[in-house]
Every structure is written in structure tokens, then in C-alpha cells.
Protein backbone atom coordinates (compact mmCIF):
# COMPACT_ATOMS: atom_id res chain seq x y z
CA MET A 1 0.00 0.00 0.00
CA LYS A 2 1.06 3.57 -0.62
CA LYS A 3 2.31 5.80 2.20
CA ALA A 4 2.21 9.58 2.34
CA LEU A 5 3.73 12.51 4.17
CA PHE A 6 1.09 15.21 4.64
CA ILE A 7 3.24 18.31 5.02
CA ASP A 8 2.20 21.72 6.27
CA ARG A 9 3.69 24.74 4.49
CA ASP A 10 3.92 27.82 6.74
CA GLY A 11 5.87 27.06 9.88
CA THR A 12 7.17 23.80 8.43
CA LEU A 13 8.73 24.44 5.02
CA VAL A 14 8.98 28.22 5.33
CA ILE A 15 9.08 30.58 8.28
CA GLU A 16 5.59 31.81 9.07
CA PRO A 17 5.68 35.62 8.89
CA PRO A 18 4.88 37.28 12.22
CA VAL A 19 2.03 39.76 12.73
CA ASP A 20 -0.26 38.88 9.78
CA TYR A 21 0.93 35.27 9.19
CA GLN A 22 0.62 35.77 5.42
CA LEU A 23 3.40 34.89 3.00
CA ASP A 24 2.29 37.48 0.48
CA SER A 25 5.53 39.10 -0.66
CA PHE A 26 8.98 37.92 -1.68
CA HIS A 27 10.80 39.77 1.10
CA LYS A 28 8.92 37.65 3.67
CA LEU A 29 10.09 34.35 2.17
CA GLU A 30 12.54 32.43 4.32
CA PHE A 31 12.95 28.66 4.24
CA TYR A 32 13.45 26.71 7.42
CA PRO A 33 17.05 25.64 8.08
CA LYS A 34 17.89 22.16 6.74
CA VAL A 35 14.52 21.79 5.01
CA PHE A 36 16.18 21.07 1.64
CA ARG A 37 18.56 18.49 3.07
CA ASN A 38 16.00 16.71 5.21
CA LEU A 39 13.13 16.59 2.72
CA GLY A 40 15.53 15.86 -0.14
CA PHE A 41 16.79 12.81 1.71
CA ILE A 42 13.26 11.55 2.42
CA ARG A 43 12.16 12.17 -1.17
CA SER A 44 15.11 10.31 -2.68
CA LYS A 45 15.55 7.49 -0.19
CA LEU A 46 12.14 6.65 1.25
CA ASP A 47 8.89 5.52 -0.33
CA PHE A 48 6.44 8.29 0.57
CA GLU A 49 4.20 10.44 -1.56
CA PHE A 50 4.48 14.14 -0.67
CA VAL A 51 1.20 15.96 -0.07
CA MET A 52 1.16 19.62 0.94
CA VAL A 53 -1.81 20.44 3.19
CA THR A 54 -2.13 24.08 4.18
CA ASN A 55 -4.69 26.49 5.60
CA GLN A 56 -4.45 29.91 3.95
CA ASP A 57 -6.89 32.11 5.84
CA GLY A 58 -9.18 34.06 3.51
CA LEU A 59 -7.22 33.36 0.34
CA GLY A 60 -9.01 35.04 -2.54
CA THR A 61 -10.69 37.66 -0.34
CA SER A 62 -9.71 41.28 0.13
CA SER A 63 -7.72 40.30 3.23
CA PHE A 64 -5.50 37.96 1.19
CA PRO A 65 -5.74 38.63 -2.56
CA GLU A 66 -4.68 35.76 -4.79
CA ASP A 67 -2.28 37.93 -6.79
CA THR A 68 -0.15 38.34 -3.64
CA PHE A 69 -0.22 34.63 -2.81
CA TRP A 70 0.56 32.72 -6.00
CA PRO A 71 3.84 34.37 -7.06
CA VAL A 72 5.48 33.58 -3.72
CA HIS A 73 3.87 30.16 -3.46
CA ASN A 74 5.07 29.23 -6.93
CA LEU A 75 8.58 30.37 -6.04
CA VAL A 76 8.49 28.11 -2.97
CA LEU A 77 7.53 25.15 -5.16
CA LYS A 78 10.11 25.97 -7.84
CA THR A 79 12.89 26.36 -5.29
CA LEU A 80 12.03 23.04 -3.66
CA GLU A 81 11.84 21.36 -7.07
CA GLY A 82 15.34 22.63 -7.80
CA GLU A 83 16.49 20.63 -4.78
CA GLY A 84 14.71 17.46 -5.92
CA ILE A 85 11.64 17.98 -3.72
CA THR A 86 8.32 17.77 -5.56
CA PHE A 87 4.76 17.33 -4.33
CA ASP A 88 2.36 14.70 -5.64
CA ASP A 89 -0.62 16.73 -4.43
CA ILE A 90 -1.27 20.20 -3.01
CA LEU A 91 -4.36 20.83 -0.89
CA ILE A 92 -5.18 24.42 0.10
CA ASP A 93 -8.08 25.46 2.31
CA ARG A 94 -9.08 29.10 1.89
CA SER A 95 -11.51 29.48 4.81
CA PHE A 96 -11.24 31.54 7.98
CA PRO A 97 -11.10 29.71 11.33
CA GLU A 98 -14.52 31.07 12.31
CA ASP A 99 -16.08 29.47 9.21
CA HIS A 100 -15.72 26.01 10.79
CA VAL A 101 -15.71 24.26 7.43
CA PRO A 102 -14.81 20.54 7.20
CA THR A 103 -12.02 21.16 4.68
CA ARG A 104 -9.98 23.22 7.13
CA LYS A 105 -7.37 21.40 9.18
CA PRO A 106 -7.88 19.47 11.39
CA GLY A 107 -10.95 18.52 9.38
CA THR A 108 -10.50 15.85 6.74
CA GLY A 109 -12.77 17.35 4.08
CA MET A 110 -9.88 17.77 1.61
CA MET A 111 -8.42 14.33 2.29
CA GLY A 112 -11.06 12.21 0.54
CA LYS A 113 -8.90 10.15 -1.80
CA TYR A 114 -6.48 9.31 1.01
CA LEU A 115 -9.24 7.83 3.16
CA THR A 116 -10.55 5.23 0.72
CA GLY A 117 -8.27 2.39 1.84
CA ASP A 118 -5.61 2.75 -0.84
CA TYR A 119 -3.10 4.30 1.59
CA ASP A 120 -1.31 2.80 4.56
CA LEU A 121 -2.34 5.62 6.90
CA ALA A 122 -1.05 3.86 10.01
CA ASN A 123 2.46 4.24 8.59
CA SER A 124 1.91 7.67 7.04
CA PHE A 125 2.69 10.95 8.79
CA VAL A 126 1.36 14.47 9.16
CA ILE A 127 4.22 16.95 9.62
CA GLY A 128 3.48 20.43 10.90
CA ASP A 129 4.03 23.04 13.57
CA ARG A 130 0.54 23.37 15.05
CA VAL A 131 -1.71 21.35 17.29
CA THR A 132 -4.18 21.19 14.37
CA ASP A 133 -1.61 19.13 12.45
CA VAL A 134 -1.48 16.62 15.30
CA GLU A 135 -5.28 16.58 15.40
CA LEU A 136 -5.43 16.02 11.62
CA ALA A 137 -3.14 13.02 12.02
CA LYS A 138 -5.40 11.64 14.72
CA ASN A 139 -8.49 12.18 12.57
CA MET A 140 -6.89 10.37 9.65
CA GLY A 141 -5.32 7.57 11.65
CA CYS A 142 -1.79 8.74 10.84
CA LYS A 143 1.21 9.40 13.00
CA ALA A 144 2.21 13.01 13.70
CA ILE A 145 5.53 14.84 13.72
CA LEU A 146 5.09 18.16 15.52
CA LEU A 147 7.71 20.79 14.65
CA GLN A 148 6.92 23.03 17.58
CA GLU A 149 8.60 24.30 20.70
CA ASN A 150 7.02 23.46 24.02
CA MET A 151 6.40 27.16 24.64
CA ASP A 152 4.42 27.40 21.40
CA ILE A 153 2.16 24.64 22.70
CA LEU A 154 1.76 26.30 26.10
CA LYS A 155 0.91 29.60 24.44
CA GLU A 156 -1.64 28.00 22.14
CA LYS A 157 -3.27 26.20 25.07
CA LYS A 158 -3.16 29.36 27.25
CA VAL A 159 -1.37 27.68 30.17
CA THR A 160 1.86 28.42 32.02
CA ALA A 161 4.72 26.33 33.36
CA THR A 162 7.90 26.61 35.40
CA PHE A 163 11.19 26.14 33.53
CA TYR A 164 14.11 25.17 35.78
CA VAL A 165 17.32 26.32 34.14
CA THR A 166 21.05 26.12 34.70
CA LEU A 167 23.61 28.83 34.01
CA ASP A 168 24.85 27.19 30.80
CA TYR A 169 21.30 27.05 29.47
CA VAL A 170 20.61 30.69 30.29
CA LYS A 171 23.82 31.82 28.61
CA SER A 172 23.27 29.69 25.50
CA SER A 173 19.54 30.44 25.06
CA PRO A 174 18.87 33.96 26.33
CA GLU A 175 16.10 34.53 23.79
CA LEU A 176 14.17 31.52 25.12
CA VAL A 177 14.58 32.64 28.72
CA GLN A 178 13.32 36.10 27.80
CA ARG A 179 10.36 34.52 26.05
CA MET A 180 9.57 32.49 29.17
CA ILE A 181 9.41 35.70 31.16
CA ASN A 182 7.50 37.65 28.52
CA GLU A 183 4.82 34.97 28.18
CA GLY A 184 4.16 34.66 31.89
CA HIS A 185 6.03 31.47 32.67
CA GLU A 186 8.17 31.07 35.77
CA VAL A 187 11.93 30.72 35.49
CA GLY A 188 13.19 28.56 38.33
CA ASN A 189 16.66 28.06 39.79
CA HIS A 190 18.30 24.72 38.96
CA SER A 191 21.83 25.78 40.09
CA CYS A 192 24.78 27.03 38.07
CA THR A 193 26.57 23.77 37.27
CA HIS A 194 24.13 20.99 38.27
CA PRO A 195 26.09 19.37 41.13
CA SER A 196 24.67 17.13 43.84
CA LEU A 197 24.04 19.78 46.50
CA PRO A 198 24.44 17.43 49.51
CA ASP A 199 27.97 16.61 48.30
CA ILE A 200 29.29 20.18 48.39
CA SER A 201 29.97 22.69 51.16
CA ASP A 202 27.57 25.30 52.50
CA ASP A 203 29.44 28.07 50.68
CA MET A 204 29.34 26.15 47.40
CA VAL A 205 25.61 25.47 47.75
CA PHE A 206 25.07 29.18 48.30
CA GLU A 207 27.15 30.09 45.24
CA GLU A 208 25.42 27.52 43.01
CA ILE A 209 22.04 29.10 43.78
CA HIS A 210 23.10 32.71 44.18
CA GLY A 211 25.31 32.75 41.08
CA LEU A 212 22.43 31.77 38.81
CA GLU A 213 20.01 34.09 40.62
CA THR A 214 22.39 37.04 40.14
CA TYR A 215 23.08 36.30 36.47
CA ILE A 216 19.38 36.09 35.65
CA SER A 217 18.62 39.28 37.59
CA ASP A 218 21.46 41.19 35.93
CA ASN A 219 20.58 40.09 32.40
CA PHE A 220 16.78 39.91 32.46
CA GLY A 221 15.59 43.19 33.91
CA GLY A 222 15.88 42.29 37.58
CA TYR A 223 13.87 39.05 37.31
CA LYS A 224 13.99 37.18 40.63
CA THR A 225 13.92 33.40 40.85
CA VAL A 226 11.96 32.24 43.90
CA THR A 227 11.79 28.44 43.61
CA MET A 228 14.66 25.98 43.31
CA ARG A 229 14.66 22.43 41.99
CA PRO A 230 17.74 20.62 43.29
CA PRO A 231 19.85 18.94 40.62
CA ARG A 232 19.10 15.22 40.32
CA GLY A 233 16.45 15.67 42.98
CA GLU A 234 19.13 15.26 45.67
CA PHE A 235 18.83 17.26 48.87
CA SER A 236 19.42 17.14 52.60
CA VAL A 237 18.15 18.98 55.67
CA ARG A 238 21.24 21.18 55.34
CA THR A 239 20.65 22.15 51.70
CA LEU A 240 16.94 22.73 52.34
CA ARG A 241 17.86 25.10 55.18
CA ILE A 242 20.37 27.03 53.03
CA ALA A 243 17.84 27.46 50.22
CA LYS A 244 15.14 28.53 52.68
CA ASN A 245 17.44 31.11 54.26
CA MET A 246 18.04 32.51 50.77
CA GLY A 247 14.28 32.93 50.29
CA TYR A 248 13.74 29.83 48.16
CA ASP A 249 11.12 27.13 48.27
CA THR A 250 12.65 23.82 47.23
CA VAL A 251 10.43 22.04 44.67
CA LEU A 252 10.38 18.33 43.89
CA TRP A 253 7.76 16.45 41.88
CA SER A 254 4.99 13.91 42.08
CA PHE A 255 5.67 12.48 38.63
CA ALA A 256 8.84 11.90 36.64
CA TYR A 257 9.92 9.27 34.13
CA ASN A 258 12.84 8.45 31.87
CA ASP A 259 12.22 11.15 29.26
CA TRP A 260 15.60 12.88 29.36
CA ASN A 261 17.56 10.36 27.28
CA THR A 262 17.29 11.66 23.72
CA ASP A 263 18.71 8.41 22.35
CA ALA A 264 16.03 6.25 24.00
CA GLN A 265 12.77 8.13 23.93
CA PRO A 266 9.70 6.48 25.46
CA ASP A 267 6.85 5.29 23.26
CA ARG A 268 4.32 8.06 22.79
CA ASP A 269 1.17 6.07 23.60
CA THR A 270 2.77 4.55 26.69
CA ALA A 271 4.04 7.95 27.84
CA TYR A 272 0.63 9.53 27.39
CA ARG A 273 -1.02 6.81 29.46
CA ARG A 274 1.60 7.04 32.20
CA ILE A 275 1.34 10.82 32.47
CA THR A 276 -2.43 11.08 32.41
CA SER A 277 -2.99 8.14 34.77
CA ALA A 278 -0.87 9.91 37.40
CA THR A 279 -3.07 13.02 37.40
CA HIS A 280 -4.31 14.28 40.76
CA ASN A 281 -4.93 17.60 42.50
CA GLY A 282 -1.66 19.38 43.21
CA ALA A 283 0.38 17.16 40.90
CA VAL A 284 3.83 18.46 39.96
CA TYR A 285 5.13 16.97 36.71
CA LEU A 286 8.82 16.89 35.84
CA LEU A 287 8.89 16.80 32.02
CA HIS A 288 12.18 17.44 30.25
CA ALA A 289 11.99 19.88 27.36
CA VAL A 290 14.60 17.92 25.35
CA SER A 291 12.16 15.02 24.99
CA GLU A 292 10.67 14.61 21.51
CA THR A 293 8.00 12.37 23.01
CA ASN A 294 6.95 15.03 25.50
CA THR A 295 6.66 17.67 22.78
CA ALA A 296 4.61 15.34 20.58
CA ILE A 297 2.10 14.36 23.27
CA LEU A 298 1.99 17.62 25.25
CA PRO A 299 -1.05 19.04 23.39
CA ASP A 300 -3.09 15.91 24.13
CA VAL A 301 -1.88 15.76 27.73
CA ILE A 302 -2.88 19.37 28.35
CA ASP A 303 -6.24 18.76 26.71
CA TYR A 304 -6.79 15.78 29.02
CA TRP A 305 -6.07 17.88 32.08
CA LEU A 306 -8.24 20.80 30.97
CA ASP A 307 -11.10 18.57 29.81
CA ASN A 308 -11.12 16.91 33.23
CA GLY A 309 -11.38 20.20 35.09
CA TYR A 310 -7.77 20.71 36.13
CA THR A 311 -5.87 24.00 36.02
CA VAL A 312 -2.41 23.95 34.45
CA LYS A 313 -0.05 26.61 35.79
CA SER A 314 3.45 27.36 37.00
CA ILE A 315 4.63 26.43 40.50
CA SER A 316 4.26 30.00 41.78
CA GLY A 317 1.25 30.78 39.61
């Protein structure tokens, strides 16, 4: 049976323009890094049909005239073709979200010929950057590859979280830390160098916590970290006392699992069941942001919590 990759365009092949989210002029066109290499490899080495599936809000109306869309769209296709990447089918929905039409992702109204039994949907994939792409995959019986940062998911779901960071992370990803702050998340203290706090002296414990606190305050407009998650979850009465005297609440968790090993990621269905089955009032989940599994299932996990009446928020929220 035939297999297909159902590929989103904006936010997946090309950078989605901010503000109006319309790729309607050449100066807005920017391809995602490595998109030529990655899709070129799949196209030449693997047996998938390529199907572009994209929502283009109001295409053909005064808010998005067709004469601003097609020149740039055709350039996208021509550029990809020049790298050996062609599409077997292109499906474009022109509706607005408020129209609630069945052809708009995650609806399957445009997917008719792929739902007749001629395609091995269980081994086909939807690739995109939005929760609607994951939902489309679910509606079709496909697998999903979500090209989205965890903070994008949290923003879309209108929930907040606490991100526990080390000094190396803050220095290497200042734009992400600033985004955490800007979008109402909590930045928590996870020490400077991630040592086992019970194994070091009082002065070193103080410096591990204070050094990160000072760096964040100095570089992010005076932001003050107020909770601390001890590295490796290791603590003692002594380290708890030091943190408390510095004004910190020490935070542990009610749920954690082996999600941090990027070379051995847990199965998505199993992970979803484990996470949701552990839900209870006051639950604190330790989910590592490096986990591809966590990113893939996070939209469904949050939906489960919200649908069952729970509030999802940061530790200090």
C-alpha cells in the first residue's frame, strides 16, 4: 500500500511571517534551516508520496488577494523542485477559522482520496508546527511529527509552566529565557553547574544558587527566581535550610519518568497513558523539554487535564 507525508507549508517548510501570518511578498520568504537536506533525503531514499496540506486564511478575499499569494507560493515550489523535492498533491483550504468548514485542518474534508483504503495511513505521517496538524493526524489515523517548541504549545493552550534552568542554558539560550518571562512562565533556579548539592559545602551550595540568581537578575531586567529544583532531585536537611534562608522554596515532583535520554525516547502512547494516569490535584510533573516524546504528546496531555477540570499553571502561579 502507498504511504504519504502530509506536510504543512507555513511554519514547516517556510518561516511563518509574524504579525499577519501571510506569506504574500517575496521579502517575507525564508525557508526553514535544513529543510532542503531533510526533505531531499526523504524524497530520494524513502517511499512516501508528498502531499502539501495548508490552511491559507481568507485566500481570494480582500484580506489575502490571490495575486499576492501565488507568485510567492510558486517560487516556494520551484525552489524546492530545484532541490529534488516535488509534491504529488497540493491541498489548500481558503476558509477563515470562524467558518468552521470541514475542509480546514484538522478537518479531513480535503483528504477524501487518502481515506478510501488505498493508503497505509497507520504508517503515514502528518508533519506540521501546530496542534491542528497533530489533530489532523489523529483524525486520519496517521502518525504526527510536531515541529513546535514546548512554549508554542503552552501559548496556544493558554497555560503556564515553570522552567528550571542552569547557568549554561541561560547563557546559550537567552532569547528563550526572555520569552519564558514575557509569556508569563516562571523561570526557576536549577543551580549554576548541576552538582549534587548534599555533596558540596555550604558556601558552594550558596554560590550555586546565588550565582544563577544574580546572572538572571542582571541580564533579564531584575527578574527574581523564587523556587529551586535541586539537581538530580538530591537534597538534605542542610541544603533545604540554606535554600530557605536565601528565600527559596525547594520544589520536587509527584511524577517523573525516563524522558531525558534523547537516544532512547519512550513510546508516545505509553508515555501519554503514564502521564495522564498519574493526574491528581496538586500534581507536579517533571517533564524534560529535550524530549521529543513530550513535545509530541503535550497538546493531548494538556487537553486531558483541561477537559477533566484541572488548572495547568506554574509552581508560583
